[in-house]
Amino acid sequence: MSQTSSPVLSGRSLALGAGLVVVALLPLAAGASPYMLGLLISALILAGLALSWALLGNLGGMVSFGHAAFFGVGSYASALLAARLGVPVLLAIPLAGLIATISSLAMLPALRLSGPYFALAILAYAQIFRILATEATWLTGGAAGLQRYPGLPTLFGFNLAERHGSYVLVLAMVVICAIIYVAIRRSHVGIALRAIAESEDATRVVGVNSTLLKTWMLMLSAFIAGMFGALNAHIIGFLEPDYAFSGIWSVMPIIAAVFGGYRTVLGPVLGAIVIYMFDQVVAKSLIPVGHQILLGILLAIMVLVAPNGLAGLLSRFFSRSGGKHHARA
């Protein structure tokens, strides 16, 4: 039965994904202002970071409070590769993701921990990286940070440094990461990872190397987070340790993923866009100082109303609408 339903589900997923990409391109077609495009770019960067967090939390079964470490390492790595070694920016971004992946190897001892202990250990690593970036003035500029490094280039006559170009690039990266997430989730590796999340001891009994699979998920999550950190650095044009390794890059992906539904692929993306736009457009206008409290209230309401997040709520709504339509037919 599952074999016959699989192609249908794949077709629906592809149609839904294509529809969402079309919707995401509407701001360009509608001539959105540079300010609005800037907000959407930041929301999509958060979406990519939320995807990397959900990849680790959903498939790897590991809750991270330290994704700021990967984000910050990727930011500095790309900026330094482009500024000091002359590496082209579009090549420096994936290389920065690779460096963030290498940095995650320092966290491998934490894989022996689980639950809140793992989360707190990763948080400690993030603080260590922030301190290292602050103290290594010869490399990172210390607390003063970096301000002179290349921005996004022009590619085939398309200026990626402009808002329109940056928006398309970030959107493309989010789509690619979502496709990778879907591919892993539907593979045998994804099935094994979900089994590990349910009962790691049981999977070890049947011969699954849970430590190796969790290591791969940690490295992949770090790679994605590092790339989005690098992309963000070249878009904003400055870096300092307190910004690049800010706790906001650890907290906001969690809020976005939980709000959107971290057990789905589209949930973290939808959650990031809704959460960020609500915070910047609505919450700031209502409460200029301390507007983050409204995010907490919104998240609490969502958890109470729809524990599976926004994606689960929308899925339930459309399934009811489809049922009513078939009933009328």
Protein backbone atom coordinates (compact mmCIF):
# COMPACT_ATOMS: atom_id res chain seq x y z
CA MET A 1 0.00 0.00 0.00
CA SER A 2 2.83 2.38 0.81
CA GLN A 3 4.42 1.61 -2.53
CA THR A 4 1.37 2.76 -4.47
CA SER A 5 0.92 5.93 -2.45
CA SER A 6 4.56 6.97 -2.68
CA PRO A 7 4.48 8.38 -6.24
CA VAL A 8 1.30 10.29 -5.44
CA LEU A 9 2.87 11.81 -2.39
CA SER A 10 5.98 12.67 -4.40
CA GLY A 11 3.86 14.37 -7.05
CA ARG A 12 1.98 16.36 -4.47
CA SER A 13 5.20 17.37 -2.75
CA LEU A 14 6.74 18.48 -6.03
CA ALA A 15 3.62 20.45 -6.96
CA LEU A 16 3.49 22.07 -3.53
CA GLY A 17 7.19 22.92 -3.63
CA ALA A 18 6.93 24.39 -7.14
CA GLY A 19 3.91 26.42 -6.07
CA LEU A 20 5.74 27.82 -3.07
CA VAL A 21 8.72 28.80 -5.24
CA VAL A 22 6.36 30.64 -7.58
CA VAL A 23 4.81 32.42 -4.60
CA ALA A 24 8.30 33.29 -3.33
CA LEU A 25 9.11 34.92 -6.67
CA LEU A 26 5.99 37.10 -6.57
CA PRO A 27 7.70 39.94 -4.64
CA LEU A 28 10.09 40.36 -7.57
CA ALA A 29 7.25 40.35 -10.10
CA ALA A 30 5.26 42.80 -7.95
CA GLY A 31 8.20 45.18 -7.70
CA ALA A 32 8.70 44.99 -3.96
CA SER A 33 10.67 47.82 -2.39
CA PRO A 34 14.36 47.34 -1.44
CA TYR A 35 13.33 47.53 2.22
CA MET A 36 10.78 44.72 1.85
CA LEU A 37 13.23 42.62 -0.16
CA GLY A 38 15.81 43.16 2.57
CA LEU A 39 13.37 41.80 5.15
CA LEU A 40 12.58 38.80 2.97
CA ILE A 41 16.29 38.10 2.42
CA SER A 42 16.86 38.05 6.18
CA ALA A 43 13.80 35.82 6.62
CA LEU A 44 15.13 33.36 4.03
CA ILE A 45 18.55 33.27 5.69
CA LEU A 46 16.78 32.41 8.91
CA ALA A 47 14.79 29.78 6.97
CA GLY A 48 18.01 28.13 5.79
CA LEU A 49 19.36 28.13 9.33
CA ALA A 50 16.07 26.71 10.64
CA LEU A 51 16.28 23.95 8.02
CA SER A 52 19.77 23.03 9.21
CA TRP A 53 18.52 22.97 12.80
CA ALA A 54 15.48 20.84 11.91
CA LEU A 55 17.69 18.45 9.94
CA LEU A 56 19.67 17.79 13.10
CA GLY A 57 16.69 17.79 15.43
CA ASN A 58 14.25 15.77 13.33
CA LEU A 59 16.50 13.26 11.59
CA GLY A 60 19.41 13.29 14.02
CA GLY A 61 17.26 13.43 17.13
CA MET A 62 19.58 16.08 18.62
CA VAL A 63 18.38 19.45 19.92
CA SER A 64 21.01 22.13 19.37
CA PHE A 65 21.31 25.39 21.29
CA GLY A 66 24.54 26.28 19.54
CA HIS A 67 23.94 26.75 15.81
CA ALA A 68 25.41 30.22 16.21
CA ALA A 69 28.80 28.47 16.27
CA PHE A 70 28.41 27.12 12.72
CA PHE A 71 26.80 30.33 11.50
CA GLY A 72 29.63 32.45 12.91
CA VAL A 73 32.44 30.19 11.71
CA GLY A 74 30.96 30.21 8.21
CA SER A 75 30.65 34.00 8.29
CA TYR A 76 34.27 34.62 9.24
CA ALA A 77 35.67 31.84 7.07
CA SER A 78 34.07 33.15 3.88
CA ALA A 79 34.98 36.77 4.59
CA LEU A 80 38.62 35.87 5.32
CA LEU A 81 38.93 33.54 2.32
CA ALA A 82 37.65 36.26 0.00
CA ALA A 83 39.56 39.16 1.57
CA ARG A 84 42.95 37.64 2.37
CA LEU A 85 43.31 34.77 -0.07
CA GLY A 86 41.38 36.26 -2.97
CA VAL A 87 39.02 33.31 -3.26
CA PRO A 88 35.97 34.16 -5.43
CA VAL A 89 32.98 34.82 -3.19
CA LEU A 90 30.76 32.17 -4.79
CA LEU A 91 33.50 29.62 -4.13
CA ALA A 92 34.30 30.97 -0.66
CA ILE A 93 30.69 30.38 0.50
CA PRO A 94 30.70 26.55 0.10
CA LEU A 95 34.30 26.42 1.34
CA ALA A 96 33.12 28.29 4.45
CA GLY A 97 30.44 25.64 4.87
CA LEU A 98 33.17 23.02 4.69
CA ILE A 99 35.21 24.86 7.35
CA ALA A 100 32.11 25.03 9.57
CA THR A 101 31.78 21.29 9.04
CA ILE A 102 35.38 20.76 10.14
CA SER A 103 34.73 22.90 13.22
CA SER A 104 31.82 20.62 14.13
CA LEU A 105 34.32 17.77 14.58
CA ALA A 106 35.34 19.45 17.83
CA MET A 107 31.82 18.71 19.07
CA LEU A 108 31.97 14.97 18.48
CA PRO A 109 32.55 14.19 22.18
CA ALA A 110 29.14 15.78 22.84
CA LEU A 111 27.47 13.04 20.77
CA ARG A 112 27.84 10.76 23.77
CA LEU A 113 25.32 13.00 25.51
CA SER A 114 21.62 13.20 24.81
CA GLY A 115 18.66 15.46 25.45
CA PRO A 116 19.32 18.68 27.37
CA TYR A 117 22.91 17.64 28.11
CA PHE A 118 23.78 17.61 24.41
CA ALA A 119 21.97 20.93 23.88
CA LEU A 120 23.90 22.62 26.69
CA ALA A 121 27.21 21.16 25.49
CA ILE A 122 26.68 22.61 22.00
CA LEU A 123 25.76 25.94 23.59
CA ALA A 124 29.09 25.89 25.43
CA TYR A 125 30.94 25.26 22.16
CA ALA A 126 29.22 28.28 20.60
CA GLN A 127 30.44 30.48 23.43
CA ILE A 128 33.97 29.10 23.05
CA PHE A 129 34.01 29.97 19.34
CA ARG A 130 32.75 33.49 20.09
CA ILE A 131 35.55 34.02 22.62
CA LEU A 132 38.14 32.68 20.17
CA ALA A 133 36.91 35.08 17.47
CA THR A 134 37.14 37.97 19.93
CA GLU A 135 40.64 37.13 21.12
CA ALA A 136 42.19 36.23 17.75
CA THR A 137 42.66 39.87 16.72
CA TRP A 138 45.41 38.95 14.23
CA LEU A 139 42.88 36.92 12.23
CA THR A 140 39.38 38.22 12.91
CA GLY A 141 40.04 41.81 13.93
CA GLY A 142 38.90 41.05 17.46
CA ALA A 143 35.96 42.95 18.90
CA ALA A 144 36.25 45.54 16.11
CA GLY A 145 35.48 42.83 13.59
CA LEU A 146 35.87 42.89 9.81
CA GLN A 147 34.53 45.59 7.53
CA ARG A 148 36.56 45.36 4.35
CA TYR A 149 35.90 42.21 2.39
CA PRO A 150 34.23 41.53 -0.98
CA GLY A 151 30.48 41.46 -1.38
CA LEU A 152 28.46 39.29 -3.71
CA PRO A 153 29.66 39.48 -7.34
CA THR A 154 27.95 39.99 -10.69
CA LEU A 155 27.15 36.67 -12.39
CA PHE A 156 26.19 36.54 -16.07
CA GLY A 157 25.30 40.22 -15.95
CA PHE A 158 23.09 39.71 -12.89
CA ASN A 159 24.27 41.76 -9.92
CA LEU A 160 23.91 39.50 -6.90
CA ALA A 161 24.85 42.36 -4.57
CA GLU A 162 21.60 44.17 -5.37
CA ARG A 163 18.48 43.26 -3.45
CA HIS A 164 16.90 41.42 -6.36
CA GLY A 165 20.01 39.36 -6.99
CA SER A 166 20.59 38.57 -3.32
CA TYR A 167 16.96 37.52 -2.94
CA VAL A 168 17.15 35.07 -5.85
CA LEU A 169 20.46 33.63 -4.60
CA VAL A 170 19.25 33.09 -1.04
CA LEU A 171 15.96 31.63 -2.28
CA ALA A 172 17.85 29.20 -4.53
CA MET A 173 20.01 28.08 -1.61
CA VAL A 174 16.95 27.47 0.58
CA VAL A 175 15.31 25.42 -2.20
CA ILE A 176 18.47 23.32 -2.72
CA CYS A 177 18.80 22.64 1.02
CA ALA A 178 15.11 21.68 1.21
CA ILE A 179 15.60 19.22 -1.67
CA ILE A 180 18.62 17.70 0.12
CA TYR A 181 16.53 17.39 3.28
CA VAL A 182 13.74 15.61 1.38
CA ALA A 183 16.20 13.25 -0.33
CA ILE A 184 17.82 12.25 2.96
CA ARG A 185 14.50 11.87 4.73
CA ARG A 186 13.15 9.49 2.07
CA SER A 187 16.34 7.43 1.86
CA HIS A 188 17.24 4.37 3.91
CA VAL A 189 19.53 6.63 5.93
CA GLY A 190 16.56 8.81 6.82
CA ILE A 191 14.56 5.79 7.97
CA ALA A 192 17.47 4.66 10.14
CA LEU A 193 17.86 8.16 11.60
CA ARG A 194 14.20 8.38 12.54
CA ALA A 195 14.48 4.97 14.18
CA ILE A 196 17.50 6.23 16.15
CA ALA A 197 15.50 9.23 17.30
CA GLU A 198 12.77 6.89 18.56
CA SER A 199 15.06 4.38 20.27
CA GLU A 200 18.83 4.50 19.82
CA ASP A 201 19.41 1.37 21.89
CA ALA A 202 17.00 -0.65 19.74
CA THR A 203 18.72 0.39 16.51
CA ARG A 204 22.12 -0.58 17.91
CA VAL A 205 20.80 -4.06 18.63
CA VAL A 206 19.96 -4.55 14.93
CA GLY A 207 23.40 -3.33 13.86
CA VAL A 208 22.82 0.34 12.99
CA ASN A 209 25.86 2.52 13.68
CA SER A 210 23.98 5.35 15.37
CA THR A 211 27.12 7.32 16.27
CA LEU A 212 28.27 7.45 12.66
CA LEU A 213 24.87 8.52 11.34
CA LYS A 214 24.50 11.20 14.01
CA THR A 215 28.00 12.45 13.16
CA TRP A 216 27.03 12.79 9.50
CA MET A 217 23.88 14.73 10.45
CA LEU A 218 25.86 17.05 12.70
CA MET A 219 28.36 17.70 9.90
CA LEU A 220 25.68 18.29 7.27
CA SER A 221 23.77 20.60 9.60
CA ALA A 222 26.98 22.54 10.28
CA PHE A 223 27.71 22.77 6.54
CA ILE A 224 24.31 24.28 5.75
CA ALA A 225 24.42 26.69 8.69
CA GLY A 226 27.95 27.74 7.73
CA MET A 227 26.94 28.49 4.15
CA PHE A 228 24.05 30.68 5.24
CA GLY A 229 26.33 32.45 7.70
CA ALA A 230 28.77 33.10 4.84
CA LEU A 231 26.01 34.33 2.57
CA ASN A 232 24.71 36.64 5.27
CA ALA A 233 28.20 38.06 5.84
CA HIS A 234 28.65 39.01 2.18
CA ILE A 235 25.21 40.58 2.07
CA ILE A 236 25.51 42.78 5.16
CA GLY A 237 29.17 43.69 4.58
CA PHE A 238 30.48 43.67 8.16
CA LEU A 239 31.28 41.19 10.91
CA GLU A 240 31.95 41.28 14.62
CA PRO A 241 32.02 38.37 17.08
CA ASP A 242 29.01 39.51 19.12
CA TYR A 243 26.95 39.60 15.93
CA ALA A 244 28.28 36.57 14.06
CA PHE A 245 28.08 34.32 17.15
CA SER A 246 25.05 36.02 18.68
CA GLY A 247 22.64 33.80 20.59
CA ILE A 248 19.92 35.01 18.23
CA TRP A 249 21.31 32.63 15.59
CA SER A 250 20.75 29.77 18.03
CA VAL A 251 17.35 30.81 19.39
CA MET A 252 15.53 32.07 16.29
CA PRO A 253 15.99 28.85 14.26
CA ILE A 254 14.45 26.90 17.13
CA ILE A 255 11.49 29.27 17.35
CA ALA A 256 11.02 29.22 13.58
CA ALA A 257 11.29 25.43 13.28
CA VAL A 258 8.96 24.70 16.21
CA PHE A 259 6.45 27.33 15.08
CA GLY A 260 6.42 26.03 11.52
CA GLY A 261 6.62 22.34 12.40
CA TYR A 262 10.14 20.95 12.64
CA ARG A 263 9.09 17.42 11.72
CA THR A 264 8.26 18.58 8.18
CA VAL A 265 10.52 20.02 5.49
CA LEU A 266 8.44 23.08 4.65
CA GLY A 267 7.60 23.83 8.28
CA PRO A 268 10.92 25.49 9.24
CA VAL A 269 10.84 27.62 6.07
CA LEU A 270 7.26 28.78 6.59
CA GLY A 271 7.90 29.31 10.28
CA ALA A 272 11.00 31.42 9.65
CA ILE A 273 9.26 33.69 7.15
CA VAL A 274 6.14 34.17 9.28
CA ILE A 275 8.07 34.63 12.54
CA TYR A 276 10.62 37.06 11.12
CA MET A 277 8.12 39.18 9.18
CA PHE A 278 5.79 39.29 12.18
CA ASP A 279 8.65 40.38 14.43
CA GLN A 280 9.96 43.08 12.09
CA VAL A 281 6.73 44.43 10.63
CA VAL A 282 4.08 43.89 13.32
CA ALA A 283 5.79 43.39 16.69
CA LYS A 284 8.26 46.26 16.29
CA SER A 285 5.49 48.68 15.40
CA LEU A 286 3.47 47.65 18.46
CA ILE A 287 6.33 47.39 20.98
CA PRO A 288 9.53 49.11 19.73
CA VAL A 289 11.51 47.93 22.77
CA GLY A 290 11.18 44.33 23.93
CA HIS A 291 9.11 43.29 20.93
CA GLN A 292 10.50 39.73 21.19
CA ILE A 293 7.99 39.06 23.94
CA LEU A 294 5.30 38.94 21.27
CA LEU A 295 7.22 36.13 19.57
CA GLY A 296 7.04 34.14 22.79
CA ILE A 297 3.30 34.71 23.02
CA LEU A 298 2.79 33.77 19.36
CA LEU A 299 4.86 30.60 19.77
CA ALA A 300 2.97 29.62 22.93
CA ILE A 301 -0.36 30.03 21.14
CA MET A 302 0.83 27.94 18.19
CA VAL A 303 2.10 25.14 20.45
CA LEU A 304 -1.23 25.04 22.29
CA VAL A 305 -3.43 25.28 19.19
CA ALA A 306 -1.33 23.17 16.80
CA PRO A 307 1.46 21.11 18.42
CA ASN A 308 2.62 20.07 14.93
CA GLY A 309 3.20 23.68 13.98
CA LEU A 310 1.98 25.85 11.13
CA ALA A 311 2.63 23.17 8.52
CA GLY A 312 0.50 20.69 10.46
CA LEU A 313 -2.26 23.26 10.87
CA LEU A 314 -2.29 24.03 7.13
CA SER A 315 -2.21 20.33 6.26
CA ARG A 316 -5.19 19.69 8.52
CA PHE A 317 -7.06 22.63 7.03
CA PHE A 318 -6.49 21.56 3.42
CA SER A 319 -7.33 17.93 4.18
CA ARG A 320 -10.67 19.05 5.66
CA SER A 321 -11.29 21.32 2.68
CA GLY A 322 -10.50 18.46 0.30
CA GLY A 323 -12.80 16.13 2.24
CA LYS A 324 -15.66 18.60 2.04
CA HIS A 325 -15.05 19.08 -1.68
CA HIS A 326 -15.17 15.33 -2.34
CA ALA A 327 -18.28 14.99 -0.17
CA ARG A 328 -20.07 17.65 -2.19
CA ALA A 329 -18.96 16.05 -5.45
